[in-house]
PDB file of N, CA and C in Angstrom:
ATOM      1  N   UNK A   1      11.012  76.160  38.968  1.00  0.00           N
ATOM      2  CA  UNK A   1      10.643  75.460  39.539  1.00  0.00           C
ATOM      3  C   UNK A   1      11.691  73.941  39.536  1.00  0.00           C
ATOM      4  N   UNK A   2      11.325  73.679  40.491  1.00  0.00           N
ATOM      5  CA  UNK A   2      11.888  72.630  41.618  1.00  0.00           C
ATOM      6  C   UNK A   2      10.973  71.090  42.109  1.00  0.00           C
ATOM      7  N   UNK A   3      10.780  70.176  41.009  1.00  0.00           N
ATOM      8  CA  UNK A   3       9.467  69.424  41.889  1.00  0.00           C
ATOM      9  C   UNK A   3      10.386  68.393  43.258  1.00  0.00           C
ATOM     10  N   UNK A   4       9.204  67.676  43.742  1.00  0.00           N
ATOM     11  CA  UNK A   4       9.541  66.441  44.710  1.00  0.00           C
ATOM     12  C   UNK A   4      10.410  65.300  44.402  1.00  0.00           C
ATOM     13  N   UNK A   5      10.138  64.926  42.928  1.00  0.00           N
ATOM     14  CA  UNK A   5      10.961  64.010  42.556  1.00  0.00           C
ATOM     15  C   UNK A   5      12.146  64.102  42.548  1.00  0.00           C
ATOM     16  N   UNK A   6      12.609  65.344  42.120  1.00  0.00           N
ATOM     17  CA  UNK A   6      14.091  65.610  42.339  1.00  0.00           C
ATOM     18  C   UNK A   6      14.757  65.555  43.499  1.00  0.00           C
ATOM     19  N   UNK A   7      13.751  67.000  44.539  1.00  0.00           N
ATOM     20  CA  UNK A   7      14.360  66.386  45.512  1.00  0.00           C
ATOM     21  C   UNK A   7      14.284  65.530  46.666  1.00  0.00           C
ATOM     22  N   UNK A   8      13.680  64.655  46.341  1.00  0.00           N
ATOM     23  CA  UNK A   8      13.769  63.177  46.951  1.00  0.00           C
ATOM     24  C   UNK A   8      15.248  62.871  46.289  1.00  0.00           C
ATOM     25  N   UNK A   9      15.523  62.973  44.943  1.00  0.00           N
ATOM     26  CA  UNK A   9      16.341  62.207  44.621  1.00  0.00           C
ATOM     27  C   UNK A   9      17.720  62.842  45.029  1.00  0.00           C
ATOM     28  N   UNK A  10      17.563  64.087  45.234  1.00  0.00           N
ATOM     29  CA  UNK A  10      18.784  64.931  46.184  1.00  0.00           C
ATOM     30  C   UNK A  10      19.042  63.871  47.559  1.00  0.00           C
ATOM     31  N   UNK A  11      18.088  64.416  48.310  1.00  0.00           N
ATOM     32  CA  UNK A  11      17.798  63.806  49.406  1.00  0.00           C
ATOM     33  C   UNK A  11      19.118  62.362  49.420  1.00  0.00           C
ATOM     34  N   UNK A  12      18.195  61.034  49.004  1.00  0.00           N
ATOM     35  CA  UNK A  12      18.586  60.162  48.571  1.00  0.00           C
ATOM     36  C   UNK A  12      20.313  59.581  48.205  1.00  0.00           C
ATOM     37  N   UNK A  13      20.668  61.098  47.306  1.00  0.00           N
ATOM     38  CA  UNK A  13      22.054  61.365  46.894  1.00  0.00           C
ATOM     39  C   UNK A  13      23.347  61.642  48.362  1.00  0.00           C
ATOM     40  N   UNK A  14      22.272  62.798  48.936  1.00  0.00           N
ATOM     41  CA  UNK A  14      22.866  63.272  50.498  1.00  0.00           C
ATOM     42  C   UNK A  14      22.961  61.766  51.235  1.00  0.00           C
ATOM     43  N   UNK A  15      22.020  61.180  51.024  1.00  0.00           N
ATOM     44  CA  UNK A  15      22.236  60.141  52.250  1.00  0.00           C
ATOM     45  C   UNK A  15      22.883  59.198  52.305  1.00  0.00           C
ATOM     46  N   UNK A  16      23.363  59.122  50.810  1.00  0.00           N
ATOM     47  CA  UNK A  16      24.416  58.102  50.365  1.00  0.00           C
ATOM     48  C   UNK A  16      26.200  58.561  50.774  1.00  0.00           C
ATOM     49  N   UNK A  17      26.056  60.005  50.464  1.00  0.00           N
ATOM     50  CA  UNK A  17      27.290  60.340  50.389  1.00  0.00           C
ATOM     51  C   UNK A  17      27.471  61.254  51.501  1.00  0.00           C
ATOM     52  N   UNK A  18      26.662  61.660  52.342  1.00  0.00           N
ATOM     53  CA  UNK A  18      26.660  62.387  53.249  1.00  0.00           C
ATOM     54  C   UNK A  18      26.613  64.252  53.115  1.00  0.00           C
ATOM     55  N   UNK A  19      26.476  64.846  54.039  1.00  0.00           N
ATOM     56  CA  UNK A  19      26.327  65.721  53.821  1.00  0.00           C
ATOM     57  C   UNK A  19      27.619  66.711  53.913  1.00  0.00           C
ATOM     58  N   UNK A  20      28.108  67.766  52.302  1.00  0.00           N
ATOM     59  CA  UNK A  20      28.797  68.179  52.511  1.00  0.00           C
ATOM     60  C   UNK A  20      29.537  69.194  51.036  1.00  0.00           C
ATOM     61  N   UNK A  21      30.132  69.728  51.421  1.00  0.00           N
ATOM     62  CA  UNK A  21      30.487  70.705  50.075  1.00  0.00           C
ATOM     63  C   UNK A  21      30.854  70.241  48.587  1.00  0.00           C
ATOM     64  N   UNK A  22      31.174  69.180  49.135  1.00  0.00           N
ATOM     65  CA  UNK A  22      31.929  68.410  47.700  1.00  0.00           C
ATOM     66  C   UNK A  22      30.761  68.164  47.485  1.00  0.00           C
ATOM     67  N   UNK A  23      29.276  67.437  47.514  1.00  0.00           N
ATOM     68  CA  UNK A  23      28.246  66.637  47.528  1.00  0.00           C
ATOM     69  C   UNK A  23      27.243  67.909  47.240  1.00  0.00           C
ATOM     70  N   UNK A  24      27.605  68.900  47.601  1.00  0.00           N
ATOM     71  CA  UNK A  24      26.481  69.635  46.916  1.00  0.00           C
ATOM     72  C   UNK A  24      27.382  70.300  45.932  1.00  0.00           C
ATOM     73  N   UNK A  25      28.956  70.146  45.349  1.00  0.00           N
ATOM     74  CA  UNK A  25      28.873  70.601  44.050  1.00  0.00           C
ATOM     75  C   UNK A  25      28.806  69.947  43.232  1.00  0.00           C
ATOM     76  N   UNK A  26      28.363  68.436  43.724  1.00  0.00           N
ATOM     77  CA  UNK A  26      27.754  67.138  42.501  1.00  0.00           C
ATOM     78  C   UNK A  26      26.673  67.537  42.171  1.00  0.00           C
ATOM     79  N   UNK A  27      26.109  67.934  43.334  1.00  0.00           N
ATOM     80  CA  UNK A  27      24.314  68.676  42.883  1.00  0.00           C
ATOM     81  C   UNK A  27      24.122  69.792  42.483  1.00  0.00           C
ATOM     82  N   UNK A  28      25.554  70.628  42.256  1.00  0.00           N
ATOM     83  CA  UNK A  28      24.909  72.145  41.311  1.00  0.00           C
ATOM     84  C   UNK A  28      25.536  71.404  40.013  1.00  0.00           C
ATOM     85  N   UNK A  29      26.147  70.491  39.727  1.00  0.00           N
ATOM     86  CA  UNK A  29      26.786  70.095  38.276  1.00  0.00           C
ATOM     87  C   UNK A  29      25.436  68.827  37.874  1.00  0.00           C
ATOM     88  N   UNK A  30      25.134  68.603  38.526  1.00  0.00           N
ATOM     89  CA  UNK A  30      23.677  67.914  38.413  1.00  0.00           C
ATOM     90  C   UNK A  30      22.397  68.319  38.101  1.00  0.00           C
ATOM     91  N   UNK A  31      22.249  69.144  38.242  1.00  0.00           N
ATOM     92  CA  UNK A  31      21.283  69.911  38.547  1.00  0.00           C
ATOM     93  C   UNK A  31      21.266  71.355  38.116  1.00  0.00           C
ATOM     94  N   UNK A  32      21.767  71.730  36.866  1.00  0.00           N
ATOM     95  CA  UNK A  32      22.425  73.023  36.814  1.00  0.00           C
ATOM     96  C   UNK A  32      21.537  74.429  36.703  1.00  0.00           C
ATOM     97  N   UNK A  33      21.291  75.058  36.897  1.00  0.00           N
ATOM     98  CA  UNK A  33      20.938  76.619  37.444  1.00  0.00           C
ATOM     99  C   UNK A  33      19.727  76.301  38.699  1.00  0.00           C
ATOM    100  N   UNK A  34      20.263  75.896  39.722  1.00  0.00           N
ATOM    101  CA  UNK A  34      19.374  75.614  40.665  1.00  0.00           C
ATOM    102  C   UNK A  34      20.527  76.293  41.713  1.00  0.00           C
ATOM    103  N   UNK A  35      20.116  76.618  43.084  1.00  0.00           N
ATOM    104  CA  UNK A  35      20.896  76.476  43.904  1.00  0.00           C
ATOM    105  C   UNK A  35      20.806  75.560  45.274  1.00  0.00           C
ATOM    106  N   UNK A  36      22.111  75.758  45.599  1.00  0.00           N
ATOM    107  CA  UNK A  36      21.919  74.944  46.654  1.00  0.00           C
ATOM    108  C   UNK A  36      22.752  75.694  48.191  1.00  0.00           C
ATOM    109  N   UNK A  37      22.437  75.510  49.059  1.00  0.00           N
ATOM    110  CA  UNK A  37      22.928  76.086  50.323  1.00  0.00           C
ATOM    111  C   UNK A  37      23.069  75.145  51.326  1.00  0.00           C
ATOM    112  N   UNK A  38      24.289  74.538  52.146  1.00  0.00           N
ATOM    113  CA  UNK A  38      24.150  74.047  53.431  1.00  0.00           C
ATOM    114  C   UNK A  38      23.981  74.848  54.681  1.00  0.00           C
ATOM    115  N   UNK A  39      23.760  74.669  55.577  1.00  0.00           N
ATOM    116  CA  UNK A  39      24.141  75.383  56.493  1.00  0.00           C
ATOM    117  C   UNK A  39      23.654  74.279  58.092  1.00  0.00           C
ATOM    118  N   UNK A  40      23.787  75.128  59.491  1.00  0.00           N
ATOM    119  CA  UNK A  40      22.584  74.293  60.176  1.00  0.00           C
ATOM    120  C   UNK A  40      21.438  74.658  60.649  1.00  0.00           C
ATOM    121  N   UNK A  41      20.787  73.599  60.985  1.00  0.00           N
ATOM    122  CA  UNK A  41      19.187  74.073  61.331  1.00  0.00           C
ATOM    123  C   UNK A  41      19.221  75.502  61.943  1.00  0.00           C
ATOM    124  N   UNK A  42      19.798  75.558  63.673  1.00  0.00           N
ATOM    125  CA  UNK A  42      19.822  76.792  64.004  1.00  0.00           C
ATOM    126  C   UNK A  42      19.753  78.302  63.342  1.00  0.00           C
ATOM    127  N   UNK A  43      20.422  77.569  61.964  1.00  0.00           N
ATOM    128  CA  UNK A  43      20.476  78.872  61.427  1.00  0.00           C
ATOM    129  C   UNK A  43      19.531  79.492  60.703  1.00  0.00           C
ATOM    130  N   UNK A  44      18.468  78.624  60.797  1.00  0.00           N
ATOM    131  CA  UNK A  44      17.279  79.094  59.938  1.00  0.00           C
ATOM    132  C   UNK A  44      16.235  79.916  60.916  1.00  0.00           C
ATOM    133  N   UNK A  45      16.231  81.223  60.554  1.00  0.00           N
ATOM    134  CA  UNK A  45      14.988  81.500  61.198  1.00  0.00           C
ATOM    135  C   UNK A  45      13.872  82.177  59.928  1.00  0.00           C
ATOM    136  N   UNK A  46      12.756  81.339  59.883  1.00  0.00           N
ATOM    137  CA  UNK A  46      12.252  81.106  59.497  1.00  0.00           C
ATOM    138  C   UNK A  46      10.582  80.971  60.092  1.00  0.00           C
ATOM    139  N   UNK A  47       8.960  81.456  59.695  1.00  0.00           N
ATOM    140  CA  UNK A  47       8.056  80.821  60.124  1.00  0.00           C
ATOM    141  C   UNK A  47       7.877  79.661  59.221  1.00  0.00           C
ATOM    142  N   UNK A  48       8.596  79.726  58.485  1.00  0.00           N
ATOM    143  CA  UNK A  48       8.379  78.434  57.173  1.00  0.00           C
ATOM    144  C   UNK A  48       8.486  77.125  57.672  1.00  0.00           C
ATOM    145  N   UNK A  49       7.842  76.107  57.865  1.00  0.00           N
ATOM    146  CA  UNK A  49       8.420  74.795  58.359  1.00  0.00           C
ATOM    147  C   UNK A  49       9.091  74.475  56.733  1.00  0.00           C
ATOM    148  N   UNK A  50       9.882  72.847  57.235  1.00  0.00           N
ATOM    149  CA  UNK A  50      10.911  72.646  55.927  1.00  0.00           C
ATOM    150  C   UNK A  50       9.503  72.261  55.238  1.00  0.00           C
ATOM    151  N   UNK A  51      10.446  71.854  54.150  1.00  0.00           N
ATOM    152  CA  UNK A  51       9.817  70.948  52.749  1.00  0.00           C
ATOM    153  C   UNK A  51       9.932  69.730  53.207  1.00  0.00           C
ATOM    154  N   UNK A  52      10.892  69.038  53.503  1.00  0.00           N
ATOM    155  CA  UNK A  52      11.223  67.712  53.554  1.00  0.00           C
ATOM    156  C   UNK A  52      12.070  67.927  55.538  1.00  0.00           C
ATOM    157  N   UNK A  53      11.781  66.510  55.868  1.00  0.00           N
ATOM    158  CA  UNK A  53      12.534  67.273  57.283  1.00  0.00           C
ATOM    159  C   UNK A  53      13.177  65.259  57.014  1.00  0.00           C
ATOM    160  N   UNK A  54      14.534  65.079  56.767  1.00  0.00           N
ATOM    161  CA  UNK A  54      15.061  64.040  56.792  1.00  0.00           C
ATOM    162  C   UNK A  54      16.102  63.430  58.725  1.00  0.00           C
ATOM    163  N   UNK A  55      16.064  62.384  58.461  1.00  0.00           N
ATOM    164  CA  UNK A  55      16.951  62.015  60.313  1.00  0.00           C
ATOM    165  C   UNK A  55      17.856  63.521  60.845  1.00  0.00           C
ATOM    166  N   UNK A  56      18.973  63.206  59.381  1.00  0.00           N
ATOM    167  CA  UNK A  56      19.919  64.207  59.914  1.00  0.00           C
ATOM    168  C   UNK A  56      20.098  65.863  59.591  1.00  0.00           C
ATOM    169  N   UNK A  57      18.796  65.867  58.944  1.00  0.00           N
ATOM    170  CA  UNK A  57      18.747  67.166  58.229  1.00  0.00           C
ATOM    171  C   UNK A  57      17.275  67.195  57.781  1.00  0.00           C
ATOM    172  N   UNK A  58      17.264  69.028  57.089  1.00  0.00           N
ATOM    173  CA  UNK A  58      15.721  69.345  57.219  1.00  0.00           C
ATOM    174  C   UNK A  58      15.997  70.302  55.480  1.00  0.00           C
ATOM    175  N   UNK A  59      15.395  69.991  54.835  1.00  0.00           N
ATOM    176  CA  UNK A  59      15.371  70.745  53.335  1.00  0.00           C
ATOM    177  C   UNK A  59      14.080  71.393  53.440  1.00  0.00           C
ATOM    178  N   UNK A  60      14.754  73.106  52.872  1.00  0.00           N
ATOM    179  CA  UNK A  60      13.982  74.327  52.722  1.00  0.00           C
ATOM    180  C   UNK A  60      13.960  74.654  51.592  1.00  0.00           C
ATOM    181  N   UNK A  61      13.535  75.303  50.517  1.00  0.00           N
ATOM    182  CA  UNK A  61      12.456  75.106  49.400  1.00  0.00           C
ATOM    183  C   UNK A  61      13.018  77.070  49.257  1.00  0.00           C
ATOM    184  N   UNK A  62      14.114  77.466  47.864  1.00  0.00           N
ATOM    185  CA  UNK A  62      13.726  78.650  48.079  1.00  0.00           C
ATOM    186  C   UNK A  62      13.616  79.749  46.962  1.00  0.00           C
ATOM    187  N   UNK A  63      12.729  80.780  47.359  1.00  0.00           N
ATOM    188  CA  UNK A  63      11.969  81.406  46.378  1.00  0.00           C
ATOM    189  C   UNK A  63      13.219  82.456  45.462  1.00  0.00           C
ATOM    190  N   UNK A  64      13.913  82.876  44.592  1.00  0.00           N
ATOM    191  CA  UNK A  64      14.630  83.888  44.415  1.00  0.00           C
ATOM    192  C   UNK A  64      14.455  84.727  42.714  1.00  0.00           C
ATOM    193  N   UNK A  65      12.593  84.451  43.459  1.00  0.00           N
ATOM    194  CA  UNK A  65      12.207  85.876  41.973  1.00  0.00           C
ATOM    195  C   UNK A  65      11.929  86.768  41.977  1.00  0.00           C
ATOM    196  N   UNK A  66      12.121  87.000  43.117  1.00  0.00           N
ATOM    197  CA  UNK A  66      11.890  88.861  43.615  1.00  0.00           C
ATOM    198  C   UNK A  66      12.858  88.871  44.145  1.00  0.00           C
ATOM    199  N   UNK A  67      13.345  90.560  44.407  1.00  0.00           N
ATOM    200  CA  UNK A  67      14.697  91.317  44.857  1.00  0.00           C
ATOM    201  C   UNK A  67      15.497  90.185  45.860  1.00  0.00           C
ATOM    202  N   UNK A  68      14.517  90.014  46.996  1.00  0.00           N
ATOM    203  CA  UNK A  68      15.073  89.498  48.199  1.00  0.00           C
ATOM    204  C   UNK A  68      14.953  87.391  47.905  1.00  0.00           C
ATOM    205  N   UNK A  69      15.652  86.642  48.591  1.00  0.00           N
ATOM    206  CA  UNK A  69      15.411  85.396  48.484  1.00  0.00           C
ATOM    207  C   UNK A  69      14.570  84.759  49.862  1.00  0.00           C
ATOM    208  N   UNK A  70      13.489  84.579  49.634  1.00  0.00           N
ATOM    209  CA  UNK A  70      12.660  83.670  51.014  1.00  0.00           C
ATOM    210  C   UNK A  70      12.881  82.312  50.946  1.00  0.00           C
ATOM    211  N   UNK A  71      12.516  81.413  51.679  1.00  0.00           N
ATOM    212  CA  UNK A  71      12.277  80.219  51.926  1.00  0.00           C
ATOM    213  C   UNK A  71      10.748  80.383  51.964  1.00  0.00           C
ATOM    214  N   UNK A  72      10.378  78.812  50.997  1.00  0.00           N
ATOM    215  CA  UNK A  72       8.825  79.035  50.880  1.00  0.00           C
ATOM    216  C   UNK A  72       8.391  77.186  50.592  1.00  0.00           C
ATOM    217  N   UNK A  73       7.201  77.174  50.938  1.00  0.00           N
ATOM    218  CA  UNK A  73       7.404  75.458  50.771  1.00  0.00           C
ATOM    219  C   UNK A  73       6.294  75.018  48.898  1.00  0.00           C
ATOM    220  N   UNK A  74       6.392  75.981  48.334  1.00  0.00           N
ATOM    221  CA  UNK A  74       5.743  76.144  47.039  1.00  0.00           C
ATOM    222  C   UNK A  74       6.845  75.596  45.965  1.00  0.00           C
ATOM    223  N   UNK A  75       6.773  74.485  45.508  1.00  0.00           N
ATOM    224  CA  UNK A  75       7.261  74.297  44.349  1.00  0.00           C
ATOM    225  C   UNK A  75       7.948  74.651  43.259  1.00  0.00           C
ATOM    226  N   UNK A  76       6.595  75.311  42.742  1.00  0.00           N
ATOM    227  CA  UNK A  76       6.198  76.333  41.300  1.00  0.00           C
ATOM    228  C   UNK A  76       7.518  77.472  41.365  1.00  0.00           C
ATOM    229  N   UNK A  77       7.380  78.303  42.880  1.00  0.00           N
ATOM    230  CA  UNK A  77       8.629  79.168  42.722  1.00  0.00           C
ATOM    231  C   UNK A  77       9.598  78.560  43.174  1.00  0.00           C
ATOM    232  N   UNK A  78      10.001  77.672  43.523  1.00  0.00           N
ATOM    233  CA  UNK A  78      11.396  77.630  43.780  1.00  0.00           C
ATOM    234  C   UNK A  78      12.596  77.654  42.766  1.00  0.00           C
ATOM    235  N   UNK A  79      13.683  78.163  43.705  1.00  0.00           N
ATOM    236  CA  UNK A  79      14.886  78.415  42.493  1.00  0.00           C
ATOM    237  C   UNK A  79      16.206  77.548  42.919  1.00  0.00           C
ATOM    238  N   UNK A  80      16.323  77.376  43.774  1.00  0.00           N
ATOM    239  CA  UNK A  80      16.754  76.665  45.238  1.00  0.00           C
ATOM    240  C   UNK A  80      16.606  75.469  45.994  1.00  0.00           C
ATOM    241  N   UNK A  81      17.489  75.223  46.887  1.00  0.00           N
ATOM    242  CA  UNK A  81      17.291  74.019  48.260  1.00  0.00           C
ATOM    243  C   UNK A  81      18.692  74.451  49.668  1.00  0.00           C
ATOM    244  N   UNK A  82      17.950  74.835  50.278  1.00  0.00           N
ATOM    245  CA  UNK A  82      18.849  75.059  51.681  1.00  0.00           C
ATOM    246  C   UNK A  82      18.309  73.522  52.372  1.00  0.00           C
ATOM    247  N   UNK A  83      20.196  73.123  52.873  1.00  0.00           N
ATOM    248  CA  UNK A  83      19.749  71.498  53.256  1.00  0.00           C
ATOM    249  C   UNK A  83      20.471  72.087  55.156  1.00  0.00           C
ATOM    250  N   UNK A  84      19.595  71.816  55.821  1.00  0.00           N
ATOM    251  CA  UNK A  84      19.895  72.259  56.825  1.00  0.00           C
ATOM    252  C   UNK A  84      20.280  71.184  58.163  1.00  0.00           C
ATOM    253  N   UNK A  85      21.546  71.014  58.191  1.00  0.00           N
ATOM    254  CA  UNK A  85      21.572  69.794  59.475  1.00  0.00           C
ATOM    255  C   UNK A  85      21.275  70.351  60.663  1.00  0.00           C
ATOM    256  N   UNK A  86      20.832  69.028  60.802  1.00  0.00           N
ATOM    257  CA  UNK A  86      20.229  68.876  62.630  1.00  0.00           C
ATOM    258  C   UNK A  86      21.492  68.321  63.009  1.00  0.00           C
ATOM    259  N   UNK A  87      21.867  68.964  64.323  1.00  0.00           N
ATOM    260  CA  UNK A  87      23.455  68.124  65.130  1.00  0.00           C
ATOM    261  C   UNK A  87      22.533  67.810  66.181  1.00  0.00           C
ATOM    262  N   UNK A  88      22.989  66.688  66.893  1.00  0.00           N
ATOM    263  CA  UNK A  88      22.167  65.733  68.420  1.00  0.00           C
ATOM    264  C   UNK A  88      22.617  67.166  69.344  1.00  0.00           C
ATOM    265  N   UNK A  89      21.719  66.555  70.185  1.00  0.00           N
ATOM    266  CA  UNK A  89      21.976  67.904  71.335  1.00  0.00           C
ATOM    267  C   UNK A  89      22.460  67.191  72.294  1.00  0.00           C
TER     268      UNK A  89
END
């Protein structure tokens, strides 16, 4: 389970330090047992709307409780977070 408070804290951390692999490594150390992915928004092919929208990236929750991981908006089943970077057009 991931709660909104933690996701907002993660976003604040990313907003301060930038979205990059080093920051995701720090998040992995701080939130052990959670999975973090960084991709481009164009890579997200899902009918699920972002859990949160930030200025430079969108946040999606991941449910990995079944055989395949899926994007979700349900905090109670979430085990990870995708940060999808939005590039300027």
